[in-house]
Amino acid sequence: MLEFRSFDEDKFFELDPNHLLTKIHLDKPAEIKPESTWLTLGVSSSEQERSFNYNLEVISEKTLPAESGWLSKTPARTEYILGLSAEAIKEFTELQEFMGSASPTGFDLHVNTGFKEAANEMKSITMSIFLKLYADEDYFTLIDRAELDIEKGSE
């Protein structure tokens, strides 16, 4: 979370929504449900707090092979690269323009996803989520190999 320590309204206005990317690693056999995947941006000001949801679209999907290390093993997993949809880019840009006249005091970002039906048959899912804010910077980790319990009928 060091990335956000110096994140302020100037950094927010510098964001190019075309380069705002999310990477998800999900242990096989689980799969994300792309239509249930979005980025949530929370904006705080002295007057109010608001949340904005932006649809994410799969840009690429590939299988990462299992890895065996000295102390641990990582099973095969699927890597998804997701970016804002065309409509989400437009809405994000409009928000940046609107926020130019406001005085934001804080920001937070969340990535939400649902899972395809096969995930309901599993008891848990292990995933990692990474975020990339700028084209010339690398991804940083939001969640690293977290094991999530799955409840029946949940997404």
N, C-alpha and C. Protein backbone atom coordinates (compact mmCIF):
# COMPACT_ATOMS: atom_id res chain seq x y z
N MET A 1 0.80 -1.20 0.00
CA MET A 1 0.00 0.00 0.00
C MET A 1 0.85 1.27 0.00
N LEU A 2 2.14 1.13 -0.10
CA LEU A 2 3.00 2.30 -0.16
C LEU A 2 2.65 3.19 -1.34
N GLU A 3 2.13 2.60 -2.40
CA GLU A 3 1.75 3.35 -3.60
C GLU A 3 0.76 4.46 -3.26
N PHE A 4 -0.14 4.21 -2.32
CA PHE A 4 -1.18 5.17 -2.01
C PHE A 4 -0.79 6.18 -0.95
N ARG A 5 0.35 6.00 -0.33
CA ARG A 5 0.77 6.91 0.72
C ARG A 5 0.88 8.35 0.20
N SER A 6 1.35 8.51 -1.02
CA SER A 6 1.52 9.85 -1.59
C SER A 6 0.46 10.14 -2.66
N PHE A 7 -0.58 9.33 -2.72
CA PHE A 7 -1.62 9.50 -3.73
C PHE A 7 -2.56 10.62 -3.30
N ASP A 8 -2.63 11.68 -4.10
CA ASP A 8 -3.49 12.81 -3.77
C ASP A 8 -4.28 13.21 -5.01
N GLU A 9 -4.98 14.34 -4.93
CA GLU A 9 -5.82 14.72 -6.08
C GLU A 9 -5.00 14.99 -7.33
N ASP A 10 -3.77 15.48 -7.19
CA ASP A 10 -2.94 15.70 -8.38
C ASP A 10 -2.64 14.36 -9.08
N LYS A 11 -2.32 13.34 -8.28
CA LYS A 11 -2.07 12.01 -8.85
C LYS A 11 -3.34 11.45 -9.49
N PHE A 12 -4.48 11.71 -8.86
CA PHE A 12 -5.76 11.24 -9.41
C PHE A 12 -6.01 11.84 -10.79
N PHE A 13 -5.73 13.13 -10.94
CA PHE A 13 -5.97 13.79 -12.22
C PHE A 13 -4.96 13.35 -13.28
N GLU A 14 -3.80 12.83 -12.86
CA GLU A 14 -2.80 12.34 -13.80
C GLU A 14 -3.14 10.96 -14.36
N LEU A 15 -4.05 10.25 -13.69
CA LEU A 15 -4.40 8.90 -14.14
C LEU A 15 -4.99 8.93 -15.54
N ASP A 16 -4.49 8.07 -16.40
CA ASP A 16 -5.08 7.87 -17.72
C ASP A 16 -5.88 6.58 -17.62
N PRO A 17 -7.22 6.66 -17.68
CA PRO A 17 -8.02 5.45 -17.50
C PRO A 17 -7.73 4.36 -18.52
N ASN A 18 -7.11 4.71 -19.65
CA ASN A 18 -6.73 3.70 -20.64
C ASN A 18 -5.61 2.80 -20.13
N HIS A 19 -4.83 3.28 -19.15
CA HIS A 19 -3.70 2.53 -18.62
C HIS A 19 -3.97 1.94 -17.24
N LEU A 20 -5.14 2.14 -16.72
CA LEU A 20 -5.53 1.60 -15.42
C LEU A 20 -5.88 0.13 -15.60
N LEU A 21 -5.01 -0.77 -15.14
CA LEU A 21 -5.18 -2.20 -15.38
C LEU A 21 -5.23 -2.99 -14.07
N THR A 22 -5.94 -4.09 -14.12
CA THR A 22 -6.03 -5.02 -13.00
C THR A 22 -5.55 -6.38 -13.49
N LYS A 23 -4.77 -7.06 -12.66
CA LYS A 23 -4.34 -8.42 -12.97
C LYS A 23 -4.83 -9.31 -11.84
N ILE A 24 -5.48 -10.42 -12.20
CA ILE A 24 -5.97 -11.38 -11.22
C ILE A 24 -5.33 -12.72 -11.51
N HIS A 25 -4.76 -13.35 -10.48
CA HIS A 25 -4.29 -14.73 -10.55
C HIS A 25 -5.25 -15.56 -9.73
N LEU A 26 -5.79 -16.60 -10.33
CA LEU A 26 -6.79 -17.44 -9.68
C LEU A 26 -6.41 -18.90 -9.87
N ASP A 27 -6.21 -19.61 -8.74
CA ASP A 27 -5.83 -21.02 -8.83
C ASP A 27 -6.88 -21.81 -9.60
N LYS A 28 -6.41 -22.70 -10.45
CA LYS A 28 -7.29 -23.58 -11.21
C LYS A 28 -7.98 -24.53 -10.24
N PRO A 29 -9.17 -24.95 -10.46
CA PRO A 29 -9.96 -24.81 -11.69
C PRO A 29 -10.91 -23.60 -11.67
N ALA A 30 -10.85 -22.77 -10.65
CA ALA A 30 -11.76 -21.63 -10.54
C ALA A 30 -11.55 -20.66 -11.70
N GLU A 31 -12.63 -19.96 -12.07
CA GLU A 31 -12.58 -18.95 -13.13
C GLU A 31 -13.40 -17.75 -12.69
N ILE A 32 -12.96 -16.57 -13.10
CA ILE A 32 -13.74 -15.38 -12.79
C ILE A 32 -14.96 -15.31 -13.71
N LYS A 33 -15.93 -14.53 -13.30
CA LYS A 33 -17.10 -14.23 -14.13
C LYS A 33 -16.90 -12.80 -14.62
N PRO A 34 -16.42 -12.62 -15.86
CA PRO A 34 -16.07 -11.27 -16.32
C PRO A 34 -17.19 -10.24 -16.18
N GLU A 35 -18.42 -10.64 -16.40
CA GLU A 35 -19.52 -9.67 -16.30
C GLU A 35 -19.79 -9.23 -14.87
N SER A 36 -19.18 -9.91 -13.90
CA SER A 36 -19.32 -9.54 -12.49
C SER A 36 -18.02 -8.98 -11.93
N THR A 37 -17.21 -8.39 -12.80
CA THR A 37 -15.91 -7.88 -12.39
C THR A 37 -15.86 -6.38 -12.64
N TRP A 38 -15.54 -5.62 -11.59
CA TRP A 38 -15.48 -4.17 -11.74
C TRP A 38 -14.49 -3.56 -10.76
N LEU A 39 -14.15 -2.31 -11.04
CA LEU A 39 -13.27 -1.51 -10.20
C LEU A 39 -14.15 -0.49 -9.49
N THR A 40 -14.00 -0.38 -8.18
CA THR A 40 -14.76 0.61 -7.42
C THR A 40 -13.79 1.68 -6.94
N LEU A 41 -14.12 2.93 -7.22
CA LEU A 41 -13.33 4.07 -6.77
C LEU A 41 -14.14 4.82 -5.73
N GLY A 42 -13.59 4.95 -4.55
CA GLY A 42 -14.22 5.75 -3.51
C GLY A 42 -13.53 7.11 -3.43
N VAL A 43 -14.33 8.17 -3.37
CA VAL A 43 -13.79 9.53 -3.30
C VAL A 43 -14.40 10.20 -2.08
N SER A 44 -13.54 10.77 -1.23
CA SER A 44 -13.99 11.49 -0.04
C SER A 44 -13.69 12.96 -0.18
N SER A 45 -14.59 13.77 0.34
CA SER A 45 -14.35 15.20 0.45
C SER A 45 -14.83 15.62 1.83
N SER A 46 -14.67 16.89 2.16
CA SER A 46 -15.11 17.36 3.46
C SER A 46 -16.63 17.29 3.58
N GLU A 47 -17.32 17.22 2.45
CA GLU A 47 -18.78 17.22 2.46
C GLU A 47 -19.42 15.85 2.32
N GLN A 48 -18.76 14.92 1.60
CA GLN A 48 -19.40 13.63 1.36
C GLN A 48 -18.39 12.56 0.94
N GLU A 49 -18.88 11.31 0.96
CA GLU A 49 -18.12 10.18 0.43
C GLU A 49 -18.97 9.53 -0.64
N ARG A 50 -18.36 9.23 -1.79
CA ARG A 50 -19.09 8.60 -2.88
C ARG A 50 -18.27 7.46 -3.45
N SER A 51 -18.98 6.46 -3.98
CA SER A 51 -18.33 5.33 -4.65
C SER A 51 -18.80 5.27 -6.09
N PHE A 52 -17.88 4.92 -6.98
CA PHE A 52 -18.18 4.81 -8.40
C PHE A 52 -17.70 3.44 -8.87
N ASN A 53 -18.57 2.71 -9.57
CA ASN A 53 -18.23 1.38 -10.09
C ASN A 53 -17.97 1.47 -11.58
N TYR A 54 -16.86 0.85 -12.01
CA TYR A 54 -16.47 0.85 -13.42
C TYR A 54 -16.29 -0.59 -13.89
N ASN A 55 -16.99 -0.95 -14.98
CA ASN A 55 -16.88 -2.30 -15.53
C ASN A 55 -15.47 -2.55 -16.04
N LEU A 56 -14.99 -3.76 -15.76
CA LEU A 56 -13.70 -4.21 -16.28
C LEU A 56 -13.94 -5.26 -17.35
N GLU A 57 -13.12 -5.22 -18.39
CA GLU A 57 -13.19 -6.19 -19.48
C GLU A 57 -11.89 -6.97 -19.54
N VAL A 58 -12.00 -8.25 -19.88
CA VAL A 58 -10.81 -9.09 -20.01
C VAL A 58 -10.06 -8.69 -21.26
N ILE A 59 -8.80 -8.30 -21.08
CA ILE A 59 -7.91 -7.96 -22.20
C ILE A 59 -7.15 -9.21 -22.63
N SER A 60 -6.70 -9.98 -21.64
CA SER A 60 -6.01 -11.23 -21.96
C SER A 60 -6.24 -12.24 -20.83
N GLU A 61 -6.10 -13.50 -21.20
CA GLU A 61 -6.26 -14.59 -20.25
C GLU A 61 -5.26 -15.68 -20.64
N LYS A 62 -4.48 -16.14 -19.66
CA LYS A 62 -3.53 -17.22 -19.96
C LYS A 62 -3.34 -18.09 -18.73
N THR A 63 -2.90 -19.30 -18.98
CA THR A 63 -2.63 -20.25 -17.90
C THR A 63 -1.17 -20.13 -17.49
N LEU A 64 -0.95 -19.98 -16.19
CA LEU A 64 0.40 -19.97 -15.64
C LEU A 64 0.67 -21.37 -15.08
N PRO A 65 1.80 -21.97 -15.41
CA PRO A 65 2.07 -23.33 -14.95
C PRO A 65 2.33 -23.39 -13.45
N ALA A 66 2.16 -24.59 -12.90
CA ALA A 66 2.48 -24.81 -11.49
C ALA A 66 3.97 -24.53 -11.28
N GLU A 67 4.30 -24.04 -10.07
CA GLU A 67 5.69 -23.76 -9.73
C GLU A 67 6.03 -24.47 -8.43
N SER A 68 7.25 -24.99 -8.38
CA SER A 68 7.71 -25.67 -7.19
C SER A 68 8.97 -24.98 -6.71
N GLY A 69 8.93 -24.50 -5.48
CA GLY A 69 10.10 -23.86 -4.90
C GLY A 69 10.63 -24.68 -3.74
N TRP A 70 11.65 -24.17 -3.13
CA TRP A 70 12.28 -24.87 -2.01
C TRP A 70 11.33 -24.99 -0.83
N LEU A 71 10.58 -23.94 -0.55
CA LEU A 71 9.69 -23.95 0.61
C LEU A 71 8.21 -24.06 0.29
N SER A 72 7.84 -23.85 -0.95
CA SER A 72 6.41 -23.86 -1.25
C SER A 72 6.14 -24.29 -2.68
N LYS A 73 4.88 -24.66 -2.90
CA LYS A 73 4.42 -25.02 -4.24
C LYS A 73 3.26 -24.11 -4.59
N THR A 74 3.21 -23.67 -5.83
CA THR A 74 2.10 -22.88 -6.32
C THR A 74 1.46 -23.67 -7.45
N PRO A 75 0.16 -23.97 -7.32
CA PRO A 75 -0.50 -24.75 -8.37
C PRO A 75 -0.70 -23.93 -9.65
N ALA A 76 -1.08 -24.60 -10.71
CA ALA A 76 -1.41 -23.90 -11.96
C ALA A 76 -2.53 -22.90 -11.68
N ARG A 77 -2.47 -21.79 -12.36
CA ARG A 77 -3.48 -20.75 -12.14
C ARG A 77 -3.73 -20.01 -13.44
N THR A 78 -4.83 -19.28 -13.45
CA THR A 78 -5.17 -18.47 -14.62
C THR A 78 -4.84 -17.02 -14.30
N GLU A 79 -4.20 -16.35 -15.26
CA GLU A 79 -3.92 -14.93 -15.14
C GLU A 79 -4.86 -14.16 -16.05
N TYR A 80 -5.59 -13.23 -15.47
CA TYR A 80 -6.49 -12.36 -16.22
C TYR A 80 -5.92 -10.95 -16.16
N ILE A 81 -5.83 -10.29 -17.30
CA ILE A 81 -5.51 -8.87 -17.36
C ILE A 81 -6.81 -8.18 -17.76
N LEU A 82 -7.23 -7.20 -16.96
CA LEU A 82 -8.49 -6.51 -17.21
C LEU A 82 -8.27 -5.01 -17.27
N GLY A 83 -9.02 -4.36 -18.13
CA GLY A 83 -8.97 -2.92 -18.25
C GLY A 83 -10.38 -2.36 -18.22
N LEU A 84 -10.49 -1.07 -18.07
CA LEU A 84 -11.80 -0.42 -18.05
C LEU A 84 -12.47 -0.57 -19.42
N SER A 85 -13.78 -0.80 -19.41
CA SER A 85 -14.54 -0.84 -20.66
C SER A 85 -14.56 0.56 -21.27
N ALA A 86 -14.94 0.67 -22.54
CA ALA A 86 -15.01 1.97 -23.21
C ALA A 86 -15.94 2.91 -22.46
N GLU A 87 -17.08 2.41 -22.02
CA GLU A 87 -18.03 3.23 -21.26
C GLU A 87 -17.43 3.65 -19.92
N ALA A 88 -16.71 2.73 -19.26
CA ALA A 88 -16.08 3.05 -17.98
C ALA A 88 -14.99 4.11 -18.14
N ILE A 89 -14.24 4.06 -19.24
CA ILE A 89 -13.21 5.08 -19.50
C ILE A 89 -13.86 6.45 -19.63
N LYS A 90 -14.96 6.50 -20.35
CA LYS A 90 -15.69 7.76 -20.53
C LYS A 90 -16.18 8.28 -19.17
N GLU A 91 -16.78 7.40 -18.37
CA GLU A 91 -17.31 7.80 -17.06
C GLU A 91 -16.18 8.24 -16.12
N PHE A 92 -15.05 7.54 -16.16
CA PHE A 92 -13.92 7.88 -15.31
C PHE A 92 -13.37 9.26 -15.68
N THR A 93 -13.26 9.53 -16.97
CA THR A 93 -12.78 10.82 -17.43
C THR A 93 -13.73 11.94 -17.01
N GLU A 94 -15.04 11.69 -17.10
CA GLU A 94 -16.03 12.67 -16.66
C GLU A 94 -15.89 12.94 -15.16
N LEU A 95 -15.63 11.89 -14.38
CA LEU A 95 -15.44 12.07 -12.94
C LEU A 95 -14.20 12.92 -12.68
N GLN A 96 -13.11 12.67 -13.40
CA GLN A 96 -11.90 13.48 -13.23
C GLN A 96 -12.19 14.95 -13.52
N GLU A 97 -12.95 15.22 -14.57
CA GLU A 97 -13.29 16.60 -14.91
C GLU A 97 -14.16 17.23 -13.82
N PHE A 98 -15.14 16.47 -13.33
CA PHE A 98 -16.02 16.96 -12.28
C PHE A 98 -15.22 17.23 -10.99
N MET A 99 -14.30 16.31 -10.64
CA MET A 99 -13.53 16.44 -9.41
C MET A 99 -12.57 17.63 -9.46
N GLY A 100 -12.30 18.14 -10.65
CA GLY A 100 -11.45 19.31 -10.78
C GLY A 100 -12.04 20.52 -10.06
N SER A 101 -13.36 20.56 -9.93
CA SER A 101 -14.01 21.68 -9.24
C SER A 101 -14.31 21.36 -7.78
N ALA A 102 -14.08 20.12 -7.36
CA ALA A 102 -14.29 19.72 -5.97
C ALA A 102 -12.94 19.68 -5.26
N SER A 103 -12.97 19.40 -3.99
CA SER A 103 -11.73 19.29 -3.22
C SER A 103 -11.68 17.93 -2.54
N PRO A 104 -11.27 16.89 -3.28
CA PRO A 104 -11.21 15.56 -2.67
C PRO A 104 -10.15 15.50 -1.57
N THR A 105 -10.46 14.75 -0.52
CA THR A 105 -9.53 14.59 0.59
C THR A 105 -9.00 13.16 0.69
N GLY A 106 -9.60 12.24 -0.06
CA GLY A 106 -9.15 10.86 0.00
C GLY A 106 -9.71 10.02 -1.13
N PHE A 107 -9.00 8.94 -1.45
CA PHE A 107 -9.39 8.03 -2.52
C PHE A 107 -9.16 6.61 -2.03
N ASP A 108 -9.99 5.67 -2.51
CA ASP A 108 -9.69 4.26 -2.31
C ASP A 108 -10.16 3.48 -3.53
N LEU A 109 -9.48 2.39 -3.82
CA LEU A 109 -9.79 1.55 -4.97
C LEU A 109 -10.03 0.13 -4.50
N HIS A 110 -11.03 -0.51 -5.09
CA HIS A 110 -11.35 -1.91 -4.80
C HIS A 110 -11.57 -2.63 -6.12
N VAL A 111 -11.20 -3.89 -6.17
CA VAL A 111 -11.49 -4.74 -7.32
C VAL A 111 -12.45 -5.81 -6.85
N ASN A 112 -13.57 -5.96 -7.55
CA ASN A 112 -14.59 -6.95 -7.21
C ASN A 112 -14.74 -7.92 -8.36
N THR A 113 -14.94 -9.20 -8.04
CA THR A 113 -15.20 -10.18 -9.08
C THR A 113 -16.11 -11.27 -8.55
N GLY A 114 -16.86 -11.86 -9.47
CA GLY A 114 -17.64 -13.06 -9.17
C GLY A 114 -16.93 -14.24 -9.79
N PHE A 115 -17.42 -15.43 -9.49
CA PHE A 115 -16.80 -16.65 -10.00
C PHE A 115 -17.83 -17.46 -10.78
N LYS A 116 -17.34 -18.19 -11.77
CA LYS A 116 -18.23 -19.04 -12.56
C LYS A 116 -18.76 -20.17 -11.69
N GLU A 117 -19.80 -20.80 -12.16
CA GLU A 117 -20.53 -21.81 -11.39
C GLU A 117 -19.66 -22.89 -10.75
N ALA A 118 -18.63 -23.34 -11.43
CA ALA A 118 -17.79 -24.41 -10.88
C ALA A 118 -17.22 -24.02 -9.52
N ALA A 119 -17.04 -22.71 -9.29
CA ALA A 119 -16.49 -22.26 -8.01
C ALA A 119 -17.42 -22.58 -6.86
N ASN A 120 -18.72 -22.65 -7.13
CA ASN A 120 -19.67 -22.97 -6.07
C ASN A 120 -19.47 -24.39 -5.54
N GLU A 121 -18.83 -25.25 -6.32
CA GLU A 121 -18.58 -26.62 -5.89
C GLU A 121 -17.32 -26.72 -5.03
N MET A 122 -16.53 -25.66 -4.99
CA MET A 122 -15.31 -25.66 -4.20
C MET A 122 -15.57 -25.04 -2.83
N LYS A 123 -14.74 -25.39 -1.87
CA LYS A 123 -14.87 -24.83 -0.53
C LYS A 123 -14.07 -23.55 -0.36
N SER A 124 -13.01 -23.40 -1.16
CA SER A 124 -12.20 -22.19 -1.09
C SER A 124 -11.53 -21.93 -2.43
N ILE A 125 -11.11 -20.69 -2.60
CA ILE A 125 -10.42 -20.24 -3.81
C ILE A 125 -9.20 -19.44 -3.36
N THR A 126 -8.07 -19.63 -4.04
CA THR A 126 -6.88 -18.83 -3.75
C THR A 126 -6.64 -17.88 -4.91
N MET A 127 -6.49 -16.60 -4.57
CA MET A 127 -6.30 -15.61 -5.63
C MET A 127 -5.37 -14.50 -5.19
N SER A 128 -4.83 -13.81 -6.20
CA SER A 128 -4.02 -12.61 -6.01
C SER A 128 -4.60 -11.54 -6.91
N ILE A 129 -4.53 -10.28 -6.45
CA ILE A 129 -5.01 -9.15 -7.25
C ILE A 129 -3.92 -8.09 -7.27
N PHE A 130 -3.63 -7.59 -8.47
CA PHE A 130 -2.61 -6.57 -8.68
C PHE A 130 -3.24 -5.40 -9.42
N LEU A 131 -2.72 -4.22 -9.21
CA LEU A 131 -3.25 -3.02 -9.84
C LEU A 131 -2.11 -2.24 -10.50
N LYS A 132 -2.37 -1.71 -11.67
CA LYS A 132 -1.41 -0.88 -12.38
C LYS A 132 -2.07 0.46 -12.66
N LEU A 133 -1.46 1.54 -12.17
CA LEU A 133 -2.06 2.87 -12.30
C LEU A 133 -1.52 3.65 -13.50
N TYR A 134 -0.26 3.43 -13.84
CA TYR A 134 0.38 4.22 -14.88
C TYR A 134 1.07 3.30 -15.89
N ALA A 135 1.08 3.70 -17.15
CA ALA A 135 1.66 2.88 -18.22
C ALA A 135 3.14 2.57 -17.98
N ASP A 136 3.87 3.51 -17.40
CA ASP A 136 5.31 3.34 -17.22
C ASP A 136 5.70 2.73 -15.87
N GLU A 137 4.73 2.26 -15.12
CA GLU A 137 5.01 1.62 -13.83
C GLU A 137 4.50 0.18 -13.86
N ASP A 138 5.00 -0.62 -12.96
CA ASP A 138 4.60 -2.02 -12.88
C ASP A 138 3.37 -2.16 -12.00
N TYR A 139 2.82 -3.36 -11.96
CA TYR A 139 1.70 -3.67 -11.08
C TYR A 139 2.19 -3.66 -9.63
N PHE A 140 1.29 -3.31 -8.71
CA PHE A 140 1.59 -3.50 -7.30
C PHE A 140 0.50 -4.40 -6.72
N THR A 141 0.84 -5.08 -5.65
CA THR A 141 -0.02 -6.11 -5.09
C THR A 141 -1.06 -5.53 -4.15
N LEU A 142 -2.32 -5.90 -4.38
CA LEU A 142 -3.40 -5.58 -3.45
C LEU A 142 -3.66 -6.76 -2.52
N ILE A 143 -3.72 -7.96 -3.12
CA ILE A 143 -3.94 -9.20 -2.37
C ILE A 143 -2.96 -10.23 -2.90
N ASP A 144 -2.27 -10.93 -2.01
CA ASP A 144 -1.26 -11.91 -2.43
C ASP A 144 -1.62 -13.30 -1.93
N ARG A 145 -2.08 -14.15 -2.84
CA ARG A 145 -2.40 -15.55 -2.57
C ARG A 145 -3.30 -15.71 -1.34
N ALA A 146 -4.36 -14.95 -1.31
CA ALA A 146 -5.33 -15.05 -0.22
C ALA A 146 -6.27 -16.21 -0.50
N GLU A 147 -6.53 -16.99 0.53
CA GLU A 147 -7.49 -18.09 0.41
C GLU A 147 -8.84 -17.59 0.90
N LEU A 148 -9.82 -17.66 0.01
CA LEU A 148 -11.15 -17.17 0.30
C LEU A 148 -12.12 -18.32 0.44
N ASP A 149 -12.89 -18.37 1.51
CA ASP A 149 -13.90 -19.39 1.68
C ASP A 149 -15.09 -19.07 0.78
N ILE A 150 -15.64 -20.10 0.16
CA ILE A 150 -16.78 -19.94 -0.74
C ILE A 150 -18.03 -20.43 -0.03
N GLU A 151 -19.05 -19.58 -0.03
CA GLU A 151 -20.34 -19.97 0.52
C GLU A 151 -21.24 -20.39 -0.63
N LYS A 152 -22.11 -21.34 -0.39
CA LYS A 152 -23.05 -21.80 -1.42
C LYS A 152 -23.88 -20.62 -1.93
N GLY A 153 -23.98 -20.51 -3.26
CA GLY A 153 -24.81 -19.47 -3.86
C GLY A 153 -24.17 -18.11 -3.89
N SER A 154 -22.91 -17.98 -3.46
CA SER A 154 -22.24 -16.67 -3.47
C SER A 154 -21.51 -16.49 -4.78
N GLU A 155 -21.18 -15.23 -5.08
CA GLU A 155 -20.39 -14.93 -6.28
C GLU A 155 -19.00 -14.54 -5.87
